[in-house]
Amino acid sequence: MAYITRTGLEVTGVDLKVVDSEGKEVPKDGKTVGEIIARGDNVMKGYWNLPEETEKAIVAGYFRTGDLATVDAENYILIVDRAKDIIISGGENISSVEVENVLYMHPAVLECAVIAVPGEKWGEIPKVIVALKPNTQATEKELVDFCRERMAAFKSPKSITFVSELPKTGSGKILKTELRKQI
C-alpha cells in the first residue's frame, strides 16, 4: 500500500540516481534525501544556445532535475521537494512541502505555499501564503500554533499572509516564483 504514494521506478532507457551534494548515491533507506539526476536518449542534452546553463544542468552526463527525493530498498522513489524550495534557516534545511502538508491538515486551509524570506537572525525563515476555504476563518497565530504542535518549532512559519487565491499556471500548479516576487 505504501508504494501507491511513491513517485515510482525509473523509466526503461533512463539511468536515474538520487545523489547527495557530492554526487554519491544516497542510501536506499527511504529517508535520506538527495537530488534526482538522469541520463538517457530521451533526457535533454542541453539548453538551446545557452552553454553556461547547460554546464550547470548537465554534470558528468546526468541532467540535474532539481527534484529532491528519497529512494527505498526496492528502488521506489519519493519526491519530497524542489531544491530551490528548500529553506535554509540557521543551517537547518526546512522542506516547504513538509510545512505545506501540515497546513493542509487544518480545516480552514484551502491552498497554501511556503517560501523563504530573509530572516535577520537565521538567514532564511519560512513564510506562508494561504487562501482559506469559503466561509471559514483562521488567524495567523492559530495557524502558526497549529504547525508548532505538529512539527519542530524551527520549521514552523514565522509569518502568514492571507490571500483570496494563489497565482497558478494553466495546469493549476501554484507559482512560487510569482509569490517570491510579490513578497
N, C-alpha and C. Protein backbone atom coordinates (compact mmCIF):
# COMPACT_ATOMS: atom_id res chain seq x y z
N MET A 1 0.82 -1.20 0.00
CA MET A 1 0.00 0.00 0.00
C MET A 1 0.86 1.27 0.00
N ALA A 2 2.01 1.22 0.68
CA ALA A 2 2.87 2.40 0.76
C ALA A 2 3.37 2.82 -0.61
N TYR A 3 3.48 1.89 -1.56
CA TYR A 3 4.01 2.23 -2.88
C TYR A 3 3.05 3.07 -3.70
N ILE A 4 1.79 3.09 -3.33
CA ILE A 4 0.82 3.93 -4.05
C ILE A 4 1.22 5.39 -3.95
N THR A 5 1.83 5.77 -2.83
CA THR A 5 2.20 7.17 -2.62
C THR A 5 3.57 7.53 -3.21
N ARG A 6 4.30 6.56 -3.71
CA ARG A 6 5.62 6.81 -4.26
C ARG A 6 5.51 7.36 -5.68
N THR A 7 6.56 8.06 -6.09
CA THR A 7 6.62 8.58 -7.45
C THR A 7 6.79 7.42 -8.43
N GLY A 8 7.59 6.43 -8.07
CA GLY A 8 7.72 5.25 -8.91
C GLY A 8 9.14 4.82 -9.14
N LEU A 9 9.29 4.01 -10.17
CA LEU A 9 10.59 3.47 -10.57
C LEU A 9 11.10 4.24 -11.77
N GLU A 10 12.39 4.07 -12.08
CA GLU A 10 12.93 4.73 -13.27
C GLU A 10 12.31 4.13 -14.52
N VAL A 11 12.23 4.92 -15.56
CA VAL A 11 11.65 4.52 -16.84
C VAL A 11 12.70 3.74 -17.64
N THR A 12 12.27 2.75 -18.39
CA THR A 12 13.18 1.99 -19.24
C THR A 12 13.93 2.94 -20.17
N GLY A 13 15.23 2.76 -20.26
CA GLY A 13 16.05 3.60 -21.12
C GLY A 13 16.60 4.83 -20.43
N VAL A 14 16.26 4.99 -19.15
CA VAL A 14 16.76 6.13 -18.39
C VAL A 14 17.59 5.61 -17.23
N ASP A 15 18.78 6.14 -17.10
CA ASP A 15 19.64 5.84 -15.97
C ASP A 15 19.38 6.93 -14.95
N LEU A 16 18.75 6.59 -13.84
CA LEU A 16 18.32 7.57 -12.85
C LEU A 16 18.96 7.24 -11.51
N LYS A 17 19.40 8.28 -10.82
CA LYS A 17 20.01 8.13 -9.50
C LYS A 17 19.50 9.24 -8.59
N VAL A 18 19.57 8.98 -7.30
CA VAL A 18 19.33 10.01 -6.29
C VAL A 18 20.66 10.18 -5.57
N VAL A 19 21.24 11.39 -5.67
CA VAL A 19 22.60 11.62 -5.18
C VAL A 19 22.66 12.75 -4.17
N ASP A 20 23.71 12.70 -3.34
CA ASP A 20 23.94 13.77 -2.36
C ASP A 20 24.67 14.93 -3.03
N SER A 21 25.06 15.91 -2.24
CA SER A 21 25.70 17.12 -2.80
C SER A 21 27.06 16.84 -3.42
N GLU A 22 27.66 15.69 -3.10
CA GLU A 22 28.95 15.31 -3.67
C GLU A 22 28.80 14.38 -4.87
N GLY A 23 27.56 14.09 -5.26
CA GLY A 23 27.33 13.23 -6.42
C GLY A 23 27.32 11.75 -6.11
N LYS A 24 27.35 11.38 -4.83
CA LYS A 24 27.32 9.97 -4.43
C LYS A 24 25.87 9.55 -4.20
N GLU A 25 25.53 8.34 -4.62
CA GLU A 25 24.17 7.85 -4.42
C GLU A 25 23.83 7.80 -2.94
N VAL A 26 22.61 8.25 -2.61
CA VAL A 26 22.17 8.22 -1.22
C VAL A 26 21.82 6.78 -0.84
N PRO A 27 21.85 6.45 0.45
CA PRO A 27 21.46 5.10 0.88
C PRO A 27 20.01 4.83 0.48
N LYS A 28 19.72 3.59 0.16
CA LYS A 28 18.36 3.20 -0.24
C LYS A 28 17.57 2.85 1.02
N ASP A 29 17.37 3.88 1.86
CA ASP A 29 16.70 3.68 3.14
C ASP A 29 15.32 4.34 3.21
N GLY A 30 14.92 5.01 2.13
CA GLY A 30 13.62 5.68 2.12
C GLY A 30 13.58 6.92 3.00
N LYS A 31 14.74 7.37 3.51
CA LYS A 31 14.79 8.52 4.40
C LYS A 31 15.77 9.59 3.95
N THR A 32 16.94 9.15 3.47
CA THR A 32 17.98 10.10 3.09
C THR A 32 17.59 10.81 1.81
N VAL A 33 17.61 12.14 1.85
CA VAL A 33 17.18 12.96 0.72
C VAL A 33 18.37 13.33 -0.15
N GLY A 34 18.17 13.23 -1.45
CA GLY A 34 19.16 13.65 -2.42
C GLY A 34 18.47 14.20 -3.65
N GLU A 35 19.25 14.63 -4.63
CA GLU A 35 18.68 15.18 -5.87
C GLU A 35 18.61 14.08 -6.93
N ILE A 36 17.51 14.08 -7.67
CA ILE A 36 17.36 13.14 -8.77
C ILE A 36 18.18 13.64 -9.96
N ILE A 37 19.02 12.73 -10.50
CA ILE A 37 19.74 13.02 -11.74
C ILE A 37 19.40 11.91 -12.73
N ALA A 38 19.41 12.25 -14.01
CA ALA A 38 19.01 11.26 -15.01
C ALA A 38 19.78 11.48 -16.31
N ARG A 39 20.00 10.35 -17.01
CA ARG A 39 20.58 10.43 -18.35
C ARG A 39 19.95 9.34 -19.20
N GLY A 40 19.91 9.60 -20.50
CA GLY A 40 19.34 8.66 -21.44
C GLY A 40 19.03 9.38 -22.74
N ASP A 41 18.70 8.61 -23.76
CA ASP A 41 18.42 9.20 -25.07
C ASP A 41 17.19 10.11 -25.06
N ASN A 42 16.30 9.89 -24.11
CA ASN A 42 15.09 10.71 -24.05
C ASN A 42 15.19 11.81 -22.97
N VAL A 43 16.38 12.03 -22.43
CA VAL A 43 16.62 13.09 -21.47
C VAL A 43 17.34 14.21 -22.21
N MET A 44 17.02 15.44 -21.90
CA MET A 44 17.59 16.55 -22.66
C MET A 44 19.11 16.55 -22.65
N LYS A 45 19.66 17.03 -23.76
CA LYS A 45 21.12 17.09 -23.91
C LYS A 45 21.66 18.47 -23.53
N GLY A 46 20.79 19.45 -23.43
CA GLY A 46 21.23 20.79 -23.06
C GLY A 46 20.21 21.83 -23.47
N TYR A 47 20.47 23.06 -23.06
CA TYR A 47 19.60 24.20 -23.40
C TYR A 47 20.06 24.81 -24.71
N TRP A 48 19.13 25.11 -25.58
CA TRP A 48 19.42 25.69 -26.89
C TRP A 48 20.15 27.02 -26.75
N ASN A 49 21.35 27.09 -27.29
CA ASN A 49 22.16 28.30 -27.31
C ASN A 49 22.45 28.89 -25.92
N LEU A 50 22.44 28.05 -24.89
CA LEU A 50 22.75 28.51 -23.54
C LEU A 50 23.80 27.57 -22.91
N PRO A 51 25.04 27.65 -23.39
CA PRO A 51 26.07 26.72 -22.91
C PRO A 51 26.35 26.83 -21.40
N GLU A 52 26.27 28.03 -20.83
CA GLU A 52 26.53 28.18 -19.39
C GLU A 52 25.44 27.49 -18.57
N GLU A 53 24.20 27.65 -18.99
CA GLU A 53 23.09 27.00 -18.28
C GLU A 53 23.17 25.48 -18.43
N THR A 54 23.56 25.03 -19.63
CA THR A 54 23.73 23.60 -19.86
C THR A 54 24.81 23.03 -18.96
N GLU A 55 25.90 23.76 -18.80
CA GLU A 55 27.00 23.29 -17.96
C GLU A 55 26.57 23.13 -16.51
N LYS A 56 25.66 24.00 -16.04
CA LYS A 56 25.14 23.88 -14.67
C LYS A 56 24.17 22.71 -14.54
N ALA A 57 23.39 22.46 -15.59
CA ALA A 57 22.33 21.45 -15.52
C ALA A 57 22.80 20.04 -15.83
N ILE A 58 23.83 19.90 -16.66
CA ILE A 58 24.33 18.57 -17.04
C ILE A 58 25.69 18.37 -16.38
N VAL A 59 25.76 17.40 -15.48
CA VAL A 59 27.00 17.11 -14.76
C VAL A 59 27.36 15.64 -15.00
N ALA A 60 28.53 15.42 -15.56
CA ALA A 60 29.02 14.06 -15.87
C ALA A 60 27.99 13.28 -16.70
N GLY A 61 27.32 13.99 -17.60
CA GLY A 61 26.34 13.34 -18.48
C GLY A 61 24.96 13.19 -17.90
N TYR A 62 24.77 13.56 -16.65
CA TYR A 62 23.47 13.46 -15.99
C TYR A 62 22.80 14.83 -15.90
N PHE A 63 21.49 14.85 -16.17
CA PHE A 63 20.69 16.07 -16.02
C PHE A 63 20.28 16.20 -14.56
N ARG A 64 20.59 17.33 -13.97
CA ARG A 64 20.19 17.63 -12.59
C ARG A 64 18.76 18.16 -12.63
N THR A 65 17.83 17.38 -12.11
CA THR A 65 16.41 17.73 -12.22
C THR A 65 15.97 18.84 -11.28
N GLY A 66 16.68 18.97 -10.15
CA GLY A 66 16.24 19.93 -9.13
C GLY A 66 15.20 19.33 -8.19
N ASP A 67 14.79 18.09 -8.46
CA ASP A 67 13.83 17.41 -7.58
C ASP A 67 14.59 16.70 -6.47
N LEU A 68 14.15 16.88 -5.24
CA LEU A 68 14.74 16.20 -4.10
C LEU A 68 13.87 15.00 -3.76
N ALA A 69 14.52 13.87 -3.49
CA ALA A 69 13.77 12.64 -3.30
C ALA A 69 14.51 11.68 -2.38
N THR A 70 13.77 10.66 -1.96
CA THR A 70 14.36 9.52 -1.27
C THR A 70 14.18 8.30 -2.16
N VAL A 71 14.96 7.27 -1.90
CA VAL A 71 14.83 6.01 -2.63
C VAL A 71 14.88 4.89 -1.60
N ASP A 72 14.01 3.90 -1.77
CA ASP A 72 13.97 2.81 -0.79
C ASP A 72 14.68 1.56 -1.31
N ALA A 73 14.66 0.51 -0.52
CA ALA A 73 15.39 -0.72 -0.85
C ALA A 73 14.88 -1.37 -2.13
N GLU A 74 13.65 -1.08 -2.52
CA GLU A 74 13.08 -1.65 -3.75
C GLU A 74 13.26 -0.71 -4.95
N ASN A 75 14.04 0.36 -4.75
CA ASN A 75 14.32 1.39 -5.77
C ASN A 75 13.12 2.29 -6.09
N TYR A 76 12.12 2.31 -5.23
CA TYR A 76 11.00 3.24 -5.42
C TYR A 76 11.43 4.62 -4.95
N ILE A 77 11.07 5.62 -5.73
CA ILE A 77 11.47 6.99 -5.47
C ILE A 77 10.27 7.79 -4.97
N LEU A 78 10.53 8.64 -3.98
CA LEU A 78 9.51 9.55 -3.47
C LEU A 78 10.07 10.96 -3.54
N ILE A 79 9.47 11.79 -4.40
CA ILE A 79 9.89 13.19 -4.50
C ILE A 79 9.35 13.92 -3.27
N VAL A 80 10.24 14.63 -2.58
CA VAL A 80 9.84 15.31 -1.35
C VAL A 80 9.83 16.84 -1.48
N ASP A 81 10.54 17.38 -2.46
CA ASP A 81 10.56 18.84 -2.62
C ASP A 81 11.37 19.20 -3.85
N ARG A 82 11.43 20.49 -4.14
CA ARG A 82 12.30 21.03 -5.18
C ARG A 82 13.49 21.67 -4.47
N ALA A 83 14.67 21.51 -5.02
CA ALA A 83 15.88 22.06 -4.39
C ALA A 83 15.75 23.56 -4.17
N LYS A 84 15.16 24.27 -5.12
CA LYS A 84 15.05 25.72 -4.98
C LYS A 84 14.00 26.14 -3.96
N ASP A 85 13.19 25.18 -3.49
CA ASP A 85 12.17 25.49 -2.50
C ASP A 85 12.59 25.14 -1.07
N ILE A 86 13.77 24.58 -0.90
CA ILE A 86 14.28 24.28 0.44
C ILE A 86 14.65 25.59 1.12
N ILE A 87 14.27 25.72 2.36
CA ILE A 87 14.57 26.90 3.16
C ILE A 87 15.70 26.53 4.11
N ILE A 88 16.76 27.33 4.11
CA ILE A 88 17.89 27.07 5.00
C ILE A 88 17.86 28.11 6.11
N SER A 89 17.48 27.66 7.29
CA SER A 89 17.29 28.56 8.43
C SER A 89 18.24 28.14 9.55
N GLY A 90 19.21 28.99 9.85
CA GLY A 90 20.16 28.68 10.91
C GLY A 90 20.94 27.41 10.64
N GLY A 91 21.19 27.10 9.37
CA GLY A 91 21.93 25.91 9.00
C GLY A 91 21.07 24.65 8.90
N GLU A 92 19.79 24.76 9.20
CA GLU A 92 18.86 23.62 9.12
C GLU A 92 18.06 23.71 7.83
N ASN A 93 17.87 22.58 7.16
CA ASN A 93 17.04 22.54 5.95
C ASN A 93 15.59 22.32 6.34
N ILE A 94 14.73 23.14 5.76
CA ILE A 94 13.29 23.03 6.00
C ILE A 94 12.63 22.78 4.66
N SER A 95 11.89 21.69 4.56
CA SER A 95 11.16 21.36 3.34
C SER A 95 9.87 22.16 3.30
N SER A 96 9.72 22.96 2.25
CA SER A 96 8.48 23.74 2.11
C SER A 96 7.27 22.81 2.01
N VAL A 97 7.45 21.66 1.36
CA VAL A 97 6.36 20.70 1.19
C VAL A 97 5.92 20.14 2.55
N GLU A 98 6.88 19.88 3.44
CA GLU A 98 6.53 19.37 4.77
C GLU A 98 5.65 20.36 5.52
N VAL A 99 6.01 21.63 5.48
CA VAL A 99 5.21 22.66 6.17
C VAL A 99 3.84 22.78 5.50
N GLU A 100 3.82 22.77 4.17
CA GLU A 100 2.54 22.85 3.45
C GLU A 100 1.64 21.67 3.80
N ASN A 101 2.20 20.47 3.88
CA ASN A 101 1.39 19.30 4.22
C ASN A 101 0.76 19.41 5.59
N VAL A 102 1.48 19.99 6.54
CA VAL A 102 0.90 20.21 7.87
C VAL A 102 -0.24 21.21 7.77
N LEU A 103 -0.03 22.30 7.06
CA LEU A 103 -1.07 23.32 6.94
C LEU A 103 -2.33 22.79 6.25
N TYR A 104 -2.15 21.88 5.28
CA TYR A 104 -3.31 21.32 4.59
C TYR A 104 -4.17 20.46 5.52
N MET A 105 -3.65 20.08 6.68
CA MET A 105 -4.45 19.34 7.65
C MET A 105 -5.42 20.25 8.40
N HIS A 106 -5.17 21.56 8.38
CA HIS A 106 -6.05 22.50 9.08
C HIS A 106 -7.36 22.62 8.31
N PRO A 107 -8.48 22.51 8.98
CA PRO A 107 -9.78 22.50 8.29
C PRO A 107 -10.12 23.78 7.52
N ALA A 108 -9.48 24.90 7.82
CA ALA A 108 -9.81 26.15 7.12
C ALA A 108 -8.92 26.42 5.91
N VAL A 109 -7.84 25.67 5.74
CA VAL A 109 -6.87 25.96 4.67
C VAL A 109 -7.32 25.33 3.36
N LEU A 110 -7.53 26.17 2.35
CA LEU A 110 -7.87 25.71 1.01
C LEU A 110 -6.60 25.41 0.22
N GLU A 111 -5.69 26.38 0.19
CA GLU A 111 -4.42 26.21 -0.52
C GLU A 111 -3.38 27.09 0.16
N CYS A 112 -2.12 26.65 0.02
CA CYS A 112 -1.04 27.40 0.65
C CYS A 112 0.27 27.15 -0.07
N ALA A 113 1.20 28.03 0.18
CA ALA A 113 2.56 27.89 -0.34
C ALA A 113 3.50 28.43 0.72
N VAL A 114 4.65 27.76 0.87
CA VAL A 114 5.66 28.19 1.81
C VAL A 114 6.89 28.59 1.01
N ILE A 115 7.39 29.79 1.30
CA ILE A 115 8.58 30.30 0.63
C ILE A 115 9.57 30.80 1.67
N ALA A 116 10.81 30.95 1.26
CA ALA A 116 11.84 31.52 2.14
C ALA A 116 11.82 33.03 2.02
N VAL A 117 11.92 33.68 3.17
CA VAL A 117 12.12 35.13 3.20
C VAL A 117 13.33 35.40 4.08
N PRO A 118 14.00 36.53 3.86
CA PRO A 118 15.18 36.84 4.68
C PRO A 118 14.81 36.94 6.16
N GLY A 119 15.65 36.38 6.98
CA GLY A 119 15.49 36.47 8.43
C GLY A 119 16.75 37.06 9.03
N GLU A 120 16.59 38.03 9.88
CA GLU A 120 17.73 38.75 10.43
C GLU A 120 18.68 37.83 11.20
N LYS A 121 18.14 36.91 11.99
CA LYS A 121 18.96 36.06 12.84
C LYS A 121 19.37 34.75 12.16
N TRP A 122 18.46 34.14 11.37
CA TRP A 122 18.68 32.79 10.87
C TRP A 122 19.00 32.69 9.38
N GLY A 123 19.06 33.80 8.68
CA GLY A 123 19.34 33.79 7.24
C GLY A 123 18.05 33.74 6.44
N GLU A 124 17.35 32.61 6.50
CA GLU A 124 16.05 32.49 5.85
C GLU A 124 15.06 31.94 6.87
N ILE A 125 13.81 32.35 6.70
CA ILE A 125 12.74 31.81 7.55
C ILE A 125 11.54 31.48 6.67
N PRO A 126 10.74 30.49 7.09
CA PRO A 126 9.57 30.11 6.29
C PRO A 126 8.43 31.12 6.43
N LYS A 127 7.88 31.50 5.30
CA LYS A 127 6.71 32.38 5.25
C LYS A 127 5.62 31.66 4.49
N VAL A 128 4.40 31.76 4.98
CA VAL A 128 3.26 31.09 4.37
C VAL A 128 2.36 32.11 3.69
N ILE A 129 1.89 31.76 2.52
CA ILE A 129 0.83 32.50 1.85
C ILE A 129 -0.31 31.51 1.77
N VAL A 130 -1.46 31.89 2.29
CA VAL A 130 -2.57 30.95 2.43
C VAL A 130 -3.89 31.56 1.96
N ALA A 131 -4.68 30.72 1.32
CA ALA A 131 -6.07 31.07 0.98
C ALA A 131 -6.95 30.13 1.79
N LEU A 132 -7.94 30.71 2.45
CA LEU A 132 -8.84 29.92 3.27
C LEU A 132 -10.05 29.44 2.47
N LYS A 133 -10.65 28.36 2.96
CA LYS A 133 -11.87 27.85 2.34
C LYS A 133 -12.98 28.86 2.54
N PRO A 134 -13.95 28.90 1.62
CA PRO A 134 -15.07 29.83 1.78
C PRO A 134 -15.78 29.61 3.12
N ASN A 135 -16.20 30.70 3.71
CA ASN A 135 -16.96 30.68 4.96
C ASN A 135 -16.20 30.09 6.15
N THR A 136 -14.87 30.20 6.12
CA THR A 136 -14.06 29.76 7.26
C THR A 136 -13.18 30.92 7.70
N GLN A 137 -12.64 30.79 8.89
CA GLN A 137 -11.73 31.80 9.41
C GLN A 137 -10.57 31.12 10.12
N ALA A 138 -9.44 31.80 10.11
CA ALA A 138 -8.27 31.37 10.87
C ALA A 138 -7.37 32.58 11.02
N THR A 139 -6.70 32.66 12.14
CA THR A 139 -5.78 33.77 12.37
C THR A 139 -4.34 33.29 12.12
N GLU A 140 -3.45 34.26 11.99
CA GLU A 140 -2.04 33.93 11.83
C GLU A 140 -1.55 33.12 13.02
N LYS A 141 -1.88 33.56 14.23
CA LYS A 141 -1.46 32.85 15.45
C LYS A 141 -2.00 31.44 15.47
N GLU A 142 -3.25 31.26 15.09
CA GLU A 142 -3.86 29.93 15.09
C GLU A 142 -3.11 28.97 14.15
N LEU A 143 -2.77 29.44 12.96
CA LEU A 143 -2.07 28.58 12.00
C LEU A 143 -0.63 28.31 12.42
N VAL A 144 0.05 29.31 12.97
CA VAL A 144 1.42 29.10 13.45
C VAL A 144 1.40 28.10 14.60
N ASP A 145 0.48 28.26 15.55
CA ASP A 145 0.36 27.32 16.67
C ASP A 145 0.03 25.92 16.17
N PHE A 146 -0.84 25.83 15.16
CA PHE A 146 -1.21 24.54 14.57
C PHE A 146 0.04 23.83 14.05
N CYS A 147 0.91 24.57 13.37
CA CYS A 147 2.15 24.00 12.85
C CYS A 147 3.09 23.59 13.99
N ARG A 148 3.24 24.46 14.98
CA ARG A 148 4.16 24.18 16.08
C ARG A 148 3.77 22.93 16.86
N GLU A 149 2.48 22.62 16.90
CA GLU A 149 2.01 21.42 17.59
C GLU A 149 2.36 20.15 16.81
N ARG A 150 2.66 20.29 15.52
CA ARG A 150 2.82 19.12 14.65
C ARG A 150 4.22 18.96 14.04
N MET A 151 5.10 19.93 14.31
CA MET A 151 6.45 19.86 13.76
C MET A 151 7.41 20.64 14.64
N ALA A 152 8.69 20.48 14.37
CA ALA A 152 9.70 21.22 15.13
C ALA A 152 9.46 22.71 15.01
N ALA A 153 9.68 23.42 16.10
CA ALA A 153 9.40 24.86 16.13
C ALA A 153 10.18 25.62 15.06
N PHE A 154 11.43 25.21 14.78
CA PHE A 154 12.22 25.96 13.79
C PHE A 154 11.65 25.82 12.38
N LYS A 155 10.85 24.77 12.14
CA LYS A 155 10.24 24.58 10.82
C LYS A 155 8.94 25.37 10.66
N SER A 156 8.35 25.76 11.78
CA SER A 156 7.06 26.46 11.74
C SER A 156 7.20 27.83 11.10
N PRO A 157 6.17 28.26 10.39
CA PRO A 157 6.23 29.58 9.75
C PRO A 157 6.32 30.68 10.79
N LYS A 158 6.99 31.76 10.41
CA LYS A 158 7.14 32.90 11.30
C LYS A 158 6.11 33.99 10.98
N SER A 159 5.58 33.94 9.75
CA SER A 159 4.55 34.90 9.37
C SER A 159 3.66 34.28 8.30
N ILE A 160 2.44 34.78 8.25
CA ILE A 160 1.46 34.26 7.30
C ILE A 160 0.75 35.44 6.64
N THR A 161 0.64 35.38 5.33
CA THR A 161 -0.12 36.35 4.57
C THR A 161 -1.36 35.66 4.02
N PHE A 162 -2.51 36.25 4.24
CA PHE A 162 -3.76 35.70 3.74
C PHE A 162 -4.12 36.35 2.41
N VAL A 163 -4.50 35.52 1.44
CA VAL A 163 -4.90 36.00 0.12
C VAL A 163 -6.19 35.29 -0.27
N SER A 164 -6.88 35.82 -1.27
CA SER A 164 -8.10 35.16 -1.72
C SER A 164 -7.80 33.94 -2.57
N GLU A 165 -6.69 34.01 -3.33
CA GLU A 165 -6.23 32.85 -4.09
C GLU A 165 -4.76 33.03 -4.43
N LEU A 166 -4.11 31.90 -4.69
CA LEU A 166 -2.69 31.92 -5.03
C LEU A 166 -2.53 31.90 -6.55
N PRO A 167 -1.47 32.54 -7.07
CA PRO A 167 -1.24 32.52 -8.52
C PRO A 167 -0.90 31.11 -8.99
N LYS A 168 -1.46 30.72 -10.15
CA LYS A 168 -1.24 29.36 -10.65
C LYS A 168 -0.96 29.36 -12.14
N THR A 169 -0.37 28.24 -12.57
CA THR A 169 -0.16 28.01 -14.00
C THR A 169 -1.49 27.56 -14.60
N GLY A 170 -1.52 27.38 -15.90
CA GLY A 170 -2.72 26.90 -16.58
C GLY A 170 -3.14 25.52 -16.12
N SER A 171 -2.17 24.74 -15.63
CA SER A 171 -2.49 23.38 -15.15
C SER A 171 -2.82 23.36 -13.66
N GLY A 172 -2.80 24.53 -13.01
CA GLY A 172 -3.20 24.60 -11.61
C GLY A 172 -2.06 24.53 -10.60
N LYS A 173 -0.81 24.49 -11.06
CA LYS A 173 0.32 24.45 -10.14
C LYS A 173 0.56 25.85 -9.56
N ILE A 174 0.76 25.91 -8.25
CA ILE A 174 1.00 27.20 -7.59
C ILE A 174 2.35 27.76 -8.04
N LEU A 175 2.35 29.02 -8.42
CA LEU A 175 3.55 29.70 -8.92
C LEU A 175 4.32 30.35 -7.77
N LYS A 176 5.23 29.60 -7.18
CA LYS A 176 6.01 30.15 -6.09
C LYS A 176 6.93 31.27 -6.57
N THR A 177 7.33 31.22 -7.83
CA THR A 177 8.18 32.30 -8.37
C THR A 177 7.44 33.64 -8.31
N GLU A 178 6.16 33.62 -8.62
CA GLU A 178 5.35 34.86 -8.55
C GLU A 178 5.21 35.32 -7.12
N LEU A 179 5.01 34.39 -6.20
CA LEU A 179 4.88 34.73 -4.79
C LEU A 179 6.16 35.36 -4.28
N ARG A 180 7.31 34.82 -4.69
CA ARG A 180 8.59 35.38 -4.25
C ARG A 180 8.74 36.83 -4.73
N LYS A 181 8.31 37.09 -5.96
CA LYS A 181 8.37 38.45 -6.49
C LYS A 181 7.46 39.39 -5.71
N GLN A 182 6.26 38.92 -5.37
CA GLN A 182 5.29 39.75 -4.65
C GLN A 182 5.70 40.03 -3.20
N ILE A 183 6.32 39.04 -2.58
CA ILE A 183 6.70 39.16 -1.17
C ILE A 183 8.08 39.73 -1.13
